[in-house]
Amino acid sequence: PRPGNGQVEENGWMDGLQLFYRHRHLSGEDSSSQSDEDPKNPVGAIATSDSDCKWEPERKSSRKFSPQSTTDDDDDWDYQHDRKGRAKKRSSHSSPSDAVRWRTHHEMDIEPWPLPFMPTRLPGPQHSTSHAESPLDFFRLFFTDSVIKTVLKNTNAYGTQNIFPRDGWKAFSFEDMFSFLSIVIFMGLLKLPQVVDYWKTTRPYNLPFPPSVMSKTKFLNICRSLHMCSLQEDTVNQAAKGTSAYDHLGKIQPLYSQIVEACRTHFHPDQNLSINERKVLPNEGLSAKHNLRHKYTMGYKLFALADSATGYAWNFFISDGSRTTLQNGSGKSLGYDTVMSLVDLERLGSGYHLYVNHFYTSPRLFRDLLAQNIGACGPFPHNKMDFLNDFTPSSPRGSIRWIRDDELLFVKWQEPREVALCSTIHKAYEGEMIQRRMKRGHTFVNVYLPIPPALMAYNQHMGVDNTSDGLNCYYNVLLKTKKWYRTFFYHFVDVAVVNAHILYNHSHKDKRMTQREFRDALVQELADNGSGATSKRAPEHPESATRTHKAMFLSKGQVIRRSCTFCHRSTPVLWETCDVPLCFLPQRNCYTLWHRLFNIIGQCETDANDV
């Protein structure tokens, strides 16, 4: 049993927490921990080590915080800033008489109330994905015919009006968009310095695939005219600029809303969820650009809610510098409104465990989520606690300190630096151990250290390889562009490919693919369903040539010597089968070296009639 929230709110945070521990003592739950305490020390004593519970003077700090606060901003931590933006403590601060003691892992913690997991749908791929078989079928669950037709219609309208208004505009077809997407995804697999390098016919490029799918001129025309919203809606939105009716993301809104709805329709996440931030870096400046922390670049912030087990991006939205894109804006803080906007309880259900980073962690957010049967866990800066720091530089590795504020658990772990977490779904310690290699004297030995279960769960569900942001960084197709909204088009392609790959592996457990293999197959299927190149095809790759290579000496009527393709020296020998001049001399056998480069084993034949 534990005291109600109303009792804690009425008496204040400190009085409520002391009442909570007194209630546990009277009910016999804390008999094991109380028997080990020094009767001379009150409950509020600060334990500097596992065996020391003496008072210490309060350490001076430039910031003072409290786990529970009534402020509306700054993630509910009790701090304020001066005019220069420097953090300073408030006038009211805790004293040793009302401080709360950090407990060790030897003291028993109560078990949090379990949250029954009740999703609205069966977790995993939904029935709408049952008809999909190939990688292209899964990709078209997100880039549907309606999506491609919308982009195609607006692209042709924009190209007619702005790109070639005088010379005439040749409209792109539905198959042209397939070819365009094929090359865009291919560019994420094979990165070159410039876009035009994919159509070069000189060494070391000479790639046969892009010219066989689409000509360079048509591809660049689509890149220049790519548009996602209609020109009429764009004109109306630009006229409302500076007013509340202006939509900062109006240029991407049609495709943006369709991709988000497709992500939420075809998959339902499992119990563990994670929220992470992504960055998109266009070249053009706009009010929607954020200065990302710990980054030296400017970009747009995307907040994504993903399934922790697979990395499937179930919901996401783009921050435009204001809170107009938030569905449930409360005015409390950006982190609070972001989480409440992403966690759609009507579509998800209840009983989920949400893992977030320090940007979102706040006592108010975690309490409000728990009131809706959603558990949460996330790190918090340890200097935001309004208690004396119980760790010292000499604290041993594996030391655990924790404080419970009703349903909130604050736990710290020393290994080798201090890590602090806040959770509503974990106990302080349940006996978990982790192996570490530590130096003892002149040798290294394996030791086992206690670790909080909240930290183990956080590392498991917020790993880089499993997060949606981590999956999108592989083979991304973000091409350089001067228009910010076109950058988002390429990012939506990345989201669709990653989610399609996850759905494919769920539906084909007997023949799973890596993301690289999935993209390879998708590129080939898109190219096969595309329009093909309208210009001259690229020269046939030497691998498709016959294995018998015929040599011909240039006659007097022709250019007597040509430049060797391999060493660029002059040579009189031309190989008819490959249609390349190569040296075939004792001191320069470029014929063999060039064919080994392309993994071709051929038989040399010389036509004596052409000597």
Foldseek 3Di string as FASTA:
>chain_A
DFDDPVVCVVVDQLVRQVVRVVVCVVVVNQPVVVVLDDVVDDQQFEALAQNRGDHDAFDDDQAFWAQAADAQADQRTQWDADPVRGIGHDPDADGSVRHHYWHWPVGFWDAFDAFDDDWPDDFWFDPVCPVDDALQSLLCLQVPPVQLVLQQVQLQVQCCVPPCVDVDDDRDDSQAVLLLLLVLLVCLVPPDPDPCLQVDCAPPHNHQPNQFQADPVVNVSSVVRGWRDHPVQVVVLVVCPPHPSHDPLRRQVVSVVSNLVSLQPGGAADQEKEKDKDWFAAPADDQQWDDDPPDPGITWIKIFIARLVAQQGNHIDTGRNDCPPQPDDDSRYPLLSRVVRRCDCVNTPASHEYEYEQVNDGSVSQVVNVVVRYKYKYWHPPNSHSHGDSYDQPHDAQIKIWDDRRQKIWMWGPHPHITIMIIRRFTRFDPDWDWDWDDDPHDIDIDIHGDGVSVVVNCSRVPLCRHNNNQLVRSQSQDHDHDPSVSVVSVSSSSSLSNSLSSNCSVCVVDHDDSSVSSVSSSVVSSVSHDTYPDDRRPDDPVPFDQAWEKAFADPVDDRWDQASQPRHTDRIATVRRRGDHDPDPVGHRVVVVCVVVPGHHDYHYDPVRD
